[in-house]
PDB file of N, CA and C in Angstrom:
ATOM      1  N   MET A   1       0.758  -0.972   0.061  1.00  0.00           N
ATOM      2  CA  MET A   1      -0.097   0.300   0.074  1.00  0.00           C
ATOM      3  C   MET A   1       0.839   0.881   0.334  1.00  0.00           C
ATOM      4  N   GLN A   2       0.582   2.022  -1.008  1.00  0.00           N
ATOM      5  CA  GLN A   2       1.280   3.792  -0.446  1.00  0.00           C
ATOM      6  C   GLN A   2       1.515   4.019   0.863  1.00  0.00           C
ATOM      7  N   GLY A   3       2.608   4.716   0.841  1.00  0.00           N
ATOM      8  CA  GLY A   3       2.922   4.837   2.101  1.00  0.00           C
ATOM      9  C   GLY A   3       3.302   3.813   3.503  1.00  0.00           C
ATOM     10  N   GLU A   4       3.524   2.815   2.866  1.00  0.00           N
ATOM     11  CA  GLU A   4       3.785   1.412   4.087  1.00  0.00           C
ATOM     12  C   GLU A   4       5.239   1.454   3.870  1.00  0.00           C
ATOM     13  N   THR A   5       6.130   1.277   4.998  1.00  0.00           N
ATOM     14  CA  THR A   5       7.815   1.019   5.177  1.00  0.00           C
ATOM     15  C   THR A   5       7.612  -0.394   5.377  1.00  0.00           C
ATOM     16  N   LEU A   6       8.939  -0.735   4.334  1.00  0.00           N
ATOM     17  CA  LEU A   6       9.194  -2.406   4.499  1.00  0.00           C
ATOM     18  C   LEU A   6      10.870  -2.377   4.660  1.00  0.00           C
ATOM     19  N   LYS A   7      11.170  -3.354   5.240  1.00  0.00           N
ATOM     20  CA  LYS A   7      12.815  -3.746   5.003  1.00  0.00           C
ATOM     21  C   LYS A   7      12.895  -5.166   4.131  1.00  0.00           C
ATOM     22  N   VAL A   8      14.041  -4.840   2.986  1.00  0.00           N
ATOM     23  CA  VAL A   8      14.140  -5.581   1.959  1.00  0.00           C
ATOM     24  C   VAL A   8      15.624  -6.150   2.565  1.00  0.00           C
ATOM     25  N   GLU A   9      16.034  -6.814   1.797  1.00  0.00           N
ATOM     26  CA  GLU A   9      17.710  -7.279   1.362  1.00  0.00           C
ATOM     27  C   GLU A   9      17.699  -6.150   0.309  1.00  0.00           C
ATOM     28  N   LYS A  10      19.162  -5.931   1.429  1.00  0.00           N
ATOM     29  CA  LYS A  10      20.348  -4.507   1.095  1.00  0.00           C
ATOM     30  C   LYS A  10      19.993  -3.915   0.297  1.00  0.00           C
ATOM     31  N   LEU A  11      20.160  -3.234  -0.491  1.00  0.00           N
ATOM     32  CA  LEU A  11      19.941  -2.442  -1.736  1.00  0.00           C
ATOM     33  C   LEU A  11      21.321  -1.241  -2.358  1.00  0.00           C
ATOM     34  N   ASP A  12      22.090  -1.632  -2.999  1.00  0.00           N
ATOM     35  CA  ASP A  12      23.255  -0.382  -3.330  1.00  0.00           C
ATOM     36  C   ASP A  12      22.642   0.525  -4.122  1.00  0.00           C
ATOM     37  N   LEU A  13      21.914   1.443  -3.266  1.00  0.00           N
ATOM     38  CA  LEU A  13      21.288   2.875  -3.734  1.00  0.00           C
ATOM     39  C   LEU A  13      21.588   3.670  -2.332  1.00  0.00           C
ATOM     40  N   GLU A  14      21.942   4.665  -2.595  1.00  0.00           N
ATOM     41  CA  GLU A  14      21.896   5.705  -1.723  1.00  0.00           C
ATOM     42  C   GLU A  14      20.402   6.168  -0.770  1.00  0.00           C
ATOM     43  N   GLU A  15      20.741   6.128   0.409  1.00  0.00           N
ATOM     44  CA  GLU A  15      19.131   7.337   1.275  1.00  0.00           C
ATOM     45  C   GLU A  15      18.859   8.182   0.510  1.00  0.00           C
ATOM     46  N   GLY A  16      17.418   8.215   0.513  1.00  0.00           N
ATOM     47  CA  GLY A  16      16.864   9.244   0.003  1.00  0.00           C
ATOM     48  C   GLY A  16      16.504   9.261  -1.246  1.00  0.00           C
ATOM     49  N   LYS A  17      17.138   8.415  -2.371  1.00  0.00           N
ATOM     50  CA  LYS A  17      16.958   8.351  -3.370  1.00  0.00           C
ATOM     51  C   LYS A  17      15.684   7.397  -4.085  1.00  0.00           C
ATOM     52  N   SER A  18      14.987   7.565  -4.916  1.00  0.00           N
ATOM     53  CA  SER A  18      13.913   7.020  -5.646  1.00  0.00           C
ATOM     54  C   SER A  18      14.208   6.233  -6.585  1.00  0.00           C
ATOM     55  N   PHE A  19      13.630   4.765  -6.770  1.00  0.00           N
ATOM     56  CA  PHE A  19      13.566   3.645  -7.903  1.00  0.00           C
ATOM     57  C   PHE A  19      12.567   3.601  -8.160  1.00  0.00           C
ATOM     58  N   ASP A  20      12.452   2.774  -9.039  1.00  0.00           N
ATOM     59  CA  ASP A  20      11.191   1.531 -10.025  1.00  0.00           C
ATOM     60  C   ASP A  20      11.165   0.506  -9.614  1.00  0.00           C
ATOM     61  N   ILE A  21      10.440  -0.360  -9.214  1.00  0.00           N
ATOM     62  CA  ILE A  21      10.118  -1.837  -9.262  1.00  0.00           C
ATOM     63  C   ILE A  21       9.030  -1.975 -10.740  1.00  0.00           C
ATOM     64  N   GLU A  22       9.529  -2.917 -11.498  1.00  0.00           N
ATOM     65  CA  GLU A  22       8.837  -3.086 -12.791  1.00  0.00           C
ATOM     66  C   GLU A  22       8.298  -4.312 -12.693  1.00  0.00           C
ATOM     67  N   SER A  23       8.786  -5.727 -11.684  1.00  0.00           N
ATOM     68  CA  SER A  23       8.555  -6.536 -11.837  1.00  0.00           C
ATOM     69  C   SER A  23       7.477  -7.096 -10.740  1.00  0.00           C
ATOM     70  N   VAL A  24       6.201  -6.318 -10.721  1.00  0.00           N
ATOM     71  CA  VAL A  24       4.964  -6.330 -10.191  1.00  0.00           C
ATOM     72  C   VAL A  24       3.984  -7.677 -10.284  1.00  0.00           C
ATOM     73  N   LEU A  25       3.988  -8.398  -9.509  1.00  0.00           N
ATOM     74  CA  LEU A  25       3.249  -9.845  -9.674  1.00  0.00           C
ATOM     75  C   LEU A  25       1.508  -9.462  -8.930  1.00  0.00           C
ATOM     76  N   MET A  26       1.142  -8.509  -8.287  1.00  0.00           N
ATOM     77  CA  MET A  26      -0.121  -8.207  -7.947  1.00  0.00           C
ATOM     78  C   MET A  26      -0.611  -6.773  -7.537  1.00  0.00           C
ATOM     79  N   VAL A  27      -1.657  -6.669  -8.763  1.00  0.00           N
ATOM     80  CA  VAL A  27      -2.186  -4.596  -8.295  1.00  0.00           C
ATOM     81  C   VAL A  27      -3.243  -5.057  -8.162  1.00  0.00           C
ATOM     82  N   GLY A  28      -4.106  -4.222  -6.590  1.00  0.00           N
ATOM     83  CA  GLY A  28      -5.512  -4.114  -6.583  1.00  0.00           C
ATOM     84  C   GLY A  28      -5.492  -2.492  -6.055  1.00  0.00           C
ATOM     85  N   ASN A  29      -6.894  -3.004  -6.403  1.00  0.00           N
ATOM     86  CA  ASN A  29      -7.556  -0.889  -6.754  1.00  0.00           C
ATOM     87  C   ASN A  29      -9.314  -1.556  -6.286  1.00  0.00           C
ATOM     88  N   GLY A  30      -9.442  -1.589  -4.706  1.00  0.00           N
ATOM     89  CA  GLY A  30     -10.629  -1.870  -4.290  1.00  0.00           C
ATOM     90  C   GLY A  30     -10.942  -3.176  -4.557  1.00  0.00           C
ATOM     91  N   ASP A  31     -12.566  -3.010  -5.374  1.00  0.00           N
ATOM     92  CA  ASP A  31     -13.071  -4.307  -5.921  1.00  0.00           C
ATOM     93  C   ASP A  31     -11.868  -4.998  -7.393  1.00  0.00           C
ATOM     94  N   LYS A  32     -11.192  -4.557  -7.773  1.00  0.00           N
ATOM     95  CA  LYS A  32     -10.359  -4.872  -9.085  1.00  0.00           C
ATOM     96  C   LYS A  32      -8.980  -5.292  -8.829  1.00  0.00           C
ATOM     97  N   VAL A  33      -8.937  -6.567  -8.866  1.00  0.00           N
ATOM     98  CA  VAL A  33      -7.616  -6.978  -8.698  1.00  0.00           C
ATOM     99  C   VAL A  33      -7.103  -7.727  -9.797  1.00  0.00           C
ATOM    100  N   THR A  34      -5.387  -7.293 -10.510  1.00  0.00           N
ATOM    101  CA  THR A  34      -5.369  -7.801 -11.583  1.00  0.00           C
ATOM    102  C   THR A  34      -3.941  -8.597 -11.011  1.00  0.00           C
ATOM    103  N   VAL A  35      -3.448 -10.207 -11.100  1.00  0.00           N
ATOM    104  CA  VAL A  35      -2.907 -10.542 -10.950  1.00  0.00           C
ATOM    105  C   VAL A  35      -2.434 -11.333 -12.276  1.00  0.00           C
ATOM    106  N   GLY A  36      -0.298 -11.294 -12.230  1.00  0.00           N
ATOM    107  CA  GLY A  36      -0.063 -10.788 -13.379  1.00  0.00           C
ATOM    108  C   GLY A  36       0.579 -12.732 -13.939  1.00  0.00           C
ATOM    109  N   THR A  37       0.813 -13.091 -14.919  1.00  0.00           N
ATOM    110  CA  THR A  37       0.913 -14.488 -15.618  1.00  0.00           C
ATOM    111  C   THR A  37       2.391 -14.214 -16.115  1.00  0.00           C
ATOM    112  N   PRO A  38       3.632 -14.125 -15.290  1.00  0.00           N
ATOM    113  CA  PRO A  38       3.872 -14.386 -13.912  1.00  0.00           C
ATOM    114  C   PRO A  38       4.056 -12.196 -13.237  1.00  0.00           C
ATOM    115  N   THR A  39       3.836 -11.625 -14.391  1.00  0.00           N
ATOM    116  CA  THR A  39       3.827 -10.435 -14.179  1.00  0.00           C
ATOM    117  C   THR A  39       2.517  -9.210 -14.555  1.00  0.00           C
ATOM    118  N   VAL A  40       2.318  -7.818 -13.961  1.00  0.00           N
ATOM    119  CA  VAL A  40       1.149  -7.456 -14.496  1.00  0.00           C
ATOM    120  C   VAL A  40       2.340  -6.571 -15.521  1.00  0.00           C
ATOM    121  N   ALA A  41       1.436  -6.691 -16.754  1.00  0.00           N
ATOM    122  CA  ALA A  41       2.122  -5.833 -18.087  1.00  0.00           C
ATOM    123  C   ALA A  41       1.707  -4.630 -17.617  1.00  0.00           C
ATOM    124  N   GLY A  42       3.122  -3.123 -17.524  1.00  0.00           N
ATOM    125  CA  GLY A  42       2.672  -2.039 -17.388  1.00  0.00           C
ATOM    126  C   GLY A  42       2.186  -1.498 -16.202  1.00  0.00           C
ATOM    127  N   ALA A  43       2.704  -2.398 -14.754  1.00  0.00           N
ATOM    128  CA  ALA A  43       2.781  -2.380 -13.534  1.00  0.00           C
ATOM    129  C   ALA A  43       3.926  -1.627 -13.016  1.00  0.00           C
ATOM    130  N   LYS A  44       3.949  -0.439 -12.202  1.00  0.00           N
ATOM    131  CA  LYS A  44       5.337  -0.239 -11.819  1.00  0.00           C
ATOM    132  C   LYS A  44       4.935   0.658 -10.147  1.00  0.00           C
ATOM    133  N   VAL A  45       6.074  -0.129  -9.448  1.00  0.00           N
ATOM    134  CA  VAL A  45       5.743   0.178  -7.736  1.00  0.00           C
ATOM    135  C   VAL A  45       6.820   1.393  -7.765  1.00  0.00           C
ATOM    136  N   THR A  46       6.962   2.338  -7.353  1.00  0.00           N
ATOM    137  CA  THR A  46       7.826   3.925  -6.727  1.00  0.00           C
ATOM    138  C   THR A  46       7.561   3.527  -5.475  1.00  0.00           C
ATOM    139  N   ALA A  47       9.268   3.889  -4.804  1.00  0.00           N
ATOM    140  CA  ALA A  47       9.652   3.900  -3.969  1.00  0.00           C
ATOM    141  C   ALA A  47      11.339   4.742  -3.618  1.00  0.00           C
ATOM    142  N   THR A  48      11.203   4.919  -2.104  1.00  0.00           N
ATOM    143  CA  THR A  48      12.358   5.741  -1.657  1.00  0.00           C
ATOM    144  C   THR A  48      12.807   4.787  -0.941  1.00  0.00           C
ATOM    145  N   ILE A  49      14.272   5.399  -0.482  1.00  0.00           N
ATOM    146  CA  ILE A  49      15.051   4.338   0.135  1.00  0.00           C
ATOM    147  C   ILE A  49      15.078   5.883   1.317  1.00  0.00           C
ATOM    148  N   LYS A  50      14.790   4.947   2.387  1.00  0.00           N
ATOM    149  CA  LYS A  50      14.933   5.673   4.028  1.00  0.00           C
ATOM    150  C   LYS A  50      16.091   5.485   5.124  1.00  0.00           C
ATOM    151  N   SER A  51      16.314   4.199   4.986  1.00  0.00           N
ATOM    152  CA  SER A  51      17.584   3.719   6.091  1.00  0.00           C
ATOM    153  C   SER A  51      18.402   2.392   5.065  1.00  0.00           C
ATOM    154  N   HIS A  52      19.514   2.465   5.558  1.00  0.00           N
ATOM    155  CA  HIS A  52      20.225   0.748   5.531  1.00  0.00           C
ATOM    156  C   HIS A  52      20.728   0.865   7.034  1.00  0.00           C
ATOM    157  N   GLY A  53      20.309  -0.638   7.744  1.00  0.00           N
ATOM    158  CA  GLY A  53      20.905  -1.024   8.906  1.00  0.00           C
ATOM    159  C   GLY A  53      21.479  -2.902   8.580  1.00  0.00           C
ATOM    160  N   ARG A  54      21.395  -3.043   9.940  1.00  0.00           N
ATOM    161  CA  ARG A  54      21.376  -4.162  10.252  1.00  0.00           C
ATOM    162  C   ARG A  54      20.442  -5.146  11.126  1.00  0.00           C
ATOM    163  N   LEU A  55      20.078  -6.120  10.916  1.00  0.00           N
ATOM    164  CA  LEU A  55      18.636  -6.835  11.724  1.00  0.00           C
ATOM    165  C   LEU A  55      19.703  -7.189  12.879  1.00  0.00           C
ATOM    166  N   ASP A  56      19.090  -7.960  13.797  1.00  0.00           N
ATOM    167  CA  ASP A  56      19.251  -8.697  15.146  1.00  0.00           C
ATOM    168  C   ASP A  56      20.184  -9.565  15.090  1.00  0.00           C
ATOM    169  N   LYS A  57      21.345 -10.224  15.877  1.00  0.00           N
ATOM    170  CA  LYS A  57      22.266 -11.233  15.695  1.00  0.00           C
ATOM    171  C   LYS A  57      21.412 -12.576  15.944  1.00  0.00           C
ATOM    172  N   VAL A  58      21.539 -13.567  14.752  1.00  0.00           N
ATOM    173  CA  VAL A  58      20.986 -14.799  14.939  1.00  0.00           C
ATOM    174  C   VAL A  58      22.071 -15.637  15.575  1.00  0.00           C
ATOM    175  N   ARG A  59      21.776 -16.109  16.453  1.00  0.00           N
ATOM    176  CA  ARG A  59      23.086 -17.580  17.530  1.00  0.00           C
ATOM    177  C   ARG A  59      22.621 -18.631  16.781  1.00  0.00           C
ATOM    178  N   ILE A  60      24.004 -19.489  16.045  1.00  0.00           N
ATOM    179  CA  ILE A  60      23.735 -20.717  15.733  1.00  0.00           C
ATOM    180  C   ILE A  60      24.747 -21.632  16.308  1.00  0.00           C
ATOM    181  N   VAL A  61      24.439 -22.361  17.159  1.00  0.00           N
ATOM    182  CA  VAL A  61      24.831 -23.274  18.116  1.00  0.00           C
ATOM    183  C   VAL A  61      24.799 -24.506  16.994  1.00  0.00           C
ATOM    184  N   LYS A  62      26.357 -25.341  17.058  1.00  0.00           N
ATOM    185  CA  LYS A  62      26.236 -26.695  16.773  1.00  0.00           C
ATOM    186  C   LYS A  62      26.948 -27.777  17.652  1.00  0.00           C
ATOM    187  N   PHE A  63      26.576 -28.623  18.122  1.00  0.00           N
ATOM    188  CA  PHE A  63      27.395 -29.206  19.410  1.00  0.00           C
ATOM    189  C   PHE A  63      26.995 -31.045  18.561  1.00  0.00           C
ATOM    190  N   ARG A  64      28.201 -31.240  19.661  1.00  0.00           N
ATOM    191  CA  ARG A  64      28.276 -33.291  19.113  1.00  0.00           C
ATOM    192  C   ARG A  64      27.950 -33.654  20.518  1.00  0.00           C
ATOM    193  N   ARG A  65      27.056 -34.474  20.525  1.00  0.00           N
ATOM    194  CA  ARG A  65      26.528 -35.238  21.906  1.00  0.00           C
ATOM    195  C   ARG A  65      28.046 -36.011  22.786  1.00  0.00           C
ATOM    196  N   ARG A  66      28.511 -36.375  23.424  1.00  0.00           N
ATOM    197  CA  ARG A  66      29.410 -37.075  24.325  1.00  0.00           C
ATOM    198  C   ARG A  66      30.754 -36.511  23.982  1.00  0.00           C
ATOM    199  N   LYS A  67      31.236 -35.753  22.810  1.00  0.00           N
ATOM    200  CA  LYS A  67      32.552 -35.410  22.557  1.00  0.00           C
ATOM    201  C   LYS A  67      33.091 -34.408  22.909  1.00  0.00           C
ATOM    202  N   HIS A  68      32.188 -33.359  23.449  1.00  0.00           N
ATOM    203  CA  HIS A  68      33.415 -32.210  24.101  1.00  0.00           C
ATOM    204  C   HIS A  68      33.222 -31.473  23.194  1.00  0.00           C
ATOM    205  N   HIS A  69      32.123 -31.167  21.724  1.00  0.00           N
ATOM    206  CA  HIS A  69      32.770 -30.253  20.517  1.00  0.00           C
ATOM    207  C   HIS A  69      30.968 -29.443  21.200  1.00  0.00           C
ATOM    208  N   ARG A  70      32.116 -28.449  20.997  1.00  0.00           N
ATOM    209  CA  ARG A  70      30.532 -26.942  20.890  1.00  0.00           C
ATOM    210  C   ARG A  70      31.323 -26.222  19.902  1.00  0.00           C
ATOM    211  N   LYS A  71      30.279 -25.328  18.925  1.00  0.00           N
ATOM    212  CA  LYS A  71      30.573 -24.861  17.988  1.00  0.00           C
ATOM    213  C   LYS A  71      29.509 -23.627  18.045  1.00  0.00           C
ATOM    214  N   GLN A  72      29.981 -22.064  18.048  1.00  0.00           N
ATOM    215  CA  GLN A  72      29.382 -21.000  18.028  1.00  0.00           C
ATOM    216  C   GLN A  72      29.523 -19.940  17.171  1.00  0.00           C
ATOM    217  N   MET A  73      27.773 -19.591  16.154  1.00  0.00           N
ATOM    218  CA  MET A  73      28.452 -18.739  15.176  1.00  0.00           C
ATOM    219  C   MET A  73      27.280 -17.690  15.592  1.00  0.00           C
ATOM    220  N   GLY A  74      27.558 -16.405  14.718  1.00  0.00           N
ATOM    221  CA  GLY A  74      26.049 -15.270  15.034  1.00  0.00           C
ATOM    222  C   GLY A  74      26.205 -14.677  13.613  1.00  0.00           C
ATOM    223  N   HIS A  75      24.998 -14.204  12.605  1.00  0.00           N
ATOM    224  CA  HIS A  75      24.820 -13.911  11.795  1.00  0.00           C
ATOM    225  C   HIS A  75      24.087 -12.198  11.980  1.00  0.00           C
ATOM    226  N   ARG A  76      24.253 -11.571  11.139  1.00  0.00           N
ATOM    227  CA  ARG A  76      24.180  -9.970  11.279  1.00  0.00           C
ATOM    228  C   ARG A  76      23.526  -9.503  10.180  1.00  0.00           C
ATOM    229  N   GLN A  77      22.012  -9.892   9.822  1.00  0.00           N
ATOM    230  CA  GLN A  77      21.739  -9.889   8.066  1.00  0.00           C
ATOM    231  C   GLN A  77      21.617  -7.718   7.740  1.00  0.00           C
ATOM    232  N   TYR A  78      21.959  -7.676   6.418  1.00  0.00           N
ATOM    233  CA  TYR A  78      22.316  -6.668   6.021  1.00  0.00           C
ATOM    234  C   TYR A  78      20.491  -6.232   6.263  1.00  0.00           C
ATOM    235  N   PHE A  79      19.940  -5.013   5.870  1.00  0.00           N
ATOM    236  CA  PHE A  79      19.328  -4.350   4.869  1.00  0.00           C
ATOM    237  C   PHE A  79      18.813  -2.998   4.624  1.00  0.00           C
ATOM    238  N   THR A  80      17.441  -2.922   3.684  1.00  0.00           N
ATOM    239  CA  THR A  80      17.375  -1.076   3.081  1.00  0.00           C
ATOM    240  C   THR A  80      16.112  -1.386   3.805  1.00  0.00           C
ATOM    241  N   GLU A  81      15.649  -0.574   4.502  1.00  0.00           N
ATOM    242  CA  GLU A  81      14.563   0.157   4.566  1.00  0.00           C
ATOM    243  C   GLU A  81      13.773   1.322   3.435  1.00  0.00           C
ATOM    244  N   ILE A  82      12.648   0.327   3.365  1.00  0.00           N
ATOM    245  CA  ILE A  82      12.080   1.096   1.787  1.00  0.00           C
ATOM    246  C   ILE A  82      10.462   1.878   2.251  1.00  0.00           C
ATOM    247  N   GLU A  83      10.145   2.584   1.601  1.00  0.00           N
ATOM    248  CA  GLU A  83       8.839   3.246   1.737  1.00  0.00           C
ATOM    249  C   GLU A  83       8.155   3.451  -0.028  1.00  0.00           C
ATOM    250  N   ILE A  84       7.045   2.865   0.169  1.00  0.00           N
ATOM    251  CA  ILE A  84       6.174   2.724  -1.080  1.00  0.00           C
ATOM    252  C   ILE A  84       5.915   4.270  -1.027  1.00  0.00           C
ATOM    253  N   THR A  85       6.186   5.030  -2.282  1.00  0.00           N
ATOM    254  CA  THR A  85       5.753   6.274  -2.834  1.00  0.00           C
ATOM    255  C   THR A  85       4.755   6.162  -3.940  1.00  0.00           C
ATOM    256  N   GLY A  86       4.515   5.169  -4.340  1.00  0.00           N
ATOM    257  CA  GLY A  86       3.610   5.464  -5.615  1.00  0.00           C
ATOM    258  C   GLY A  86       3.030   3.585  -5.896  1.00  0.00           C
ATOM    259  N   ILE A  87       1.981   3.562  -6.633  1.00  0.00           N
ATOM    260  CA  ILE A  87       1.525   2.527  -7.125  1.00  0.00           C
ATOM    261  C   ILE A  87       0.847   2.549  -8.569  1.00  0.00           C
ATOM    262  N   ALA A  88       1.765   2.516  -9.759  1.00  0.00           N
ATOM    263  CA  ALA A  88       0.184   2.567 -10.879  1.00  0.00           C
ATOM    264  C   ALA A  88       1.108   1.182 -11.850  1.00  0.00           C
ATOM    265  N   GLY A  89      -0.635   1.145 -12.409  1.00  0.00           N
ATOM    266  CA  GLY A  89      -0.995  -0.529 -13.118  1.00  0.00           C
ATOM    267  C   GLY A  89      -2.334  -0.652 -13.144  1.00  0.00           C
TER     268      GLY A  89
END
């Protein structure tokens, strides 16, 4: 929906920059819904980059029973926060 804020996989664009998403799978306007096969022709979503960041750490623990073996790892995923500014289609 227009005005909605989403966190997506990291994009290599600067903050404040607008970009277009042209591979749109479904567009809805009130009672009228258009589903693409596989995408909706002529549909476009415009979004603005608000910020970049990293998510909370996910801890991974592997261990082998009865062997005194334990391995701990962590991972923090990069993300980009975008705001939907327009939907055409």
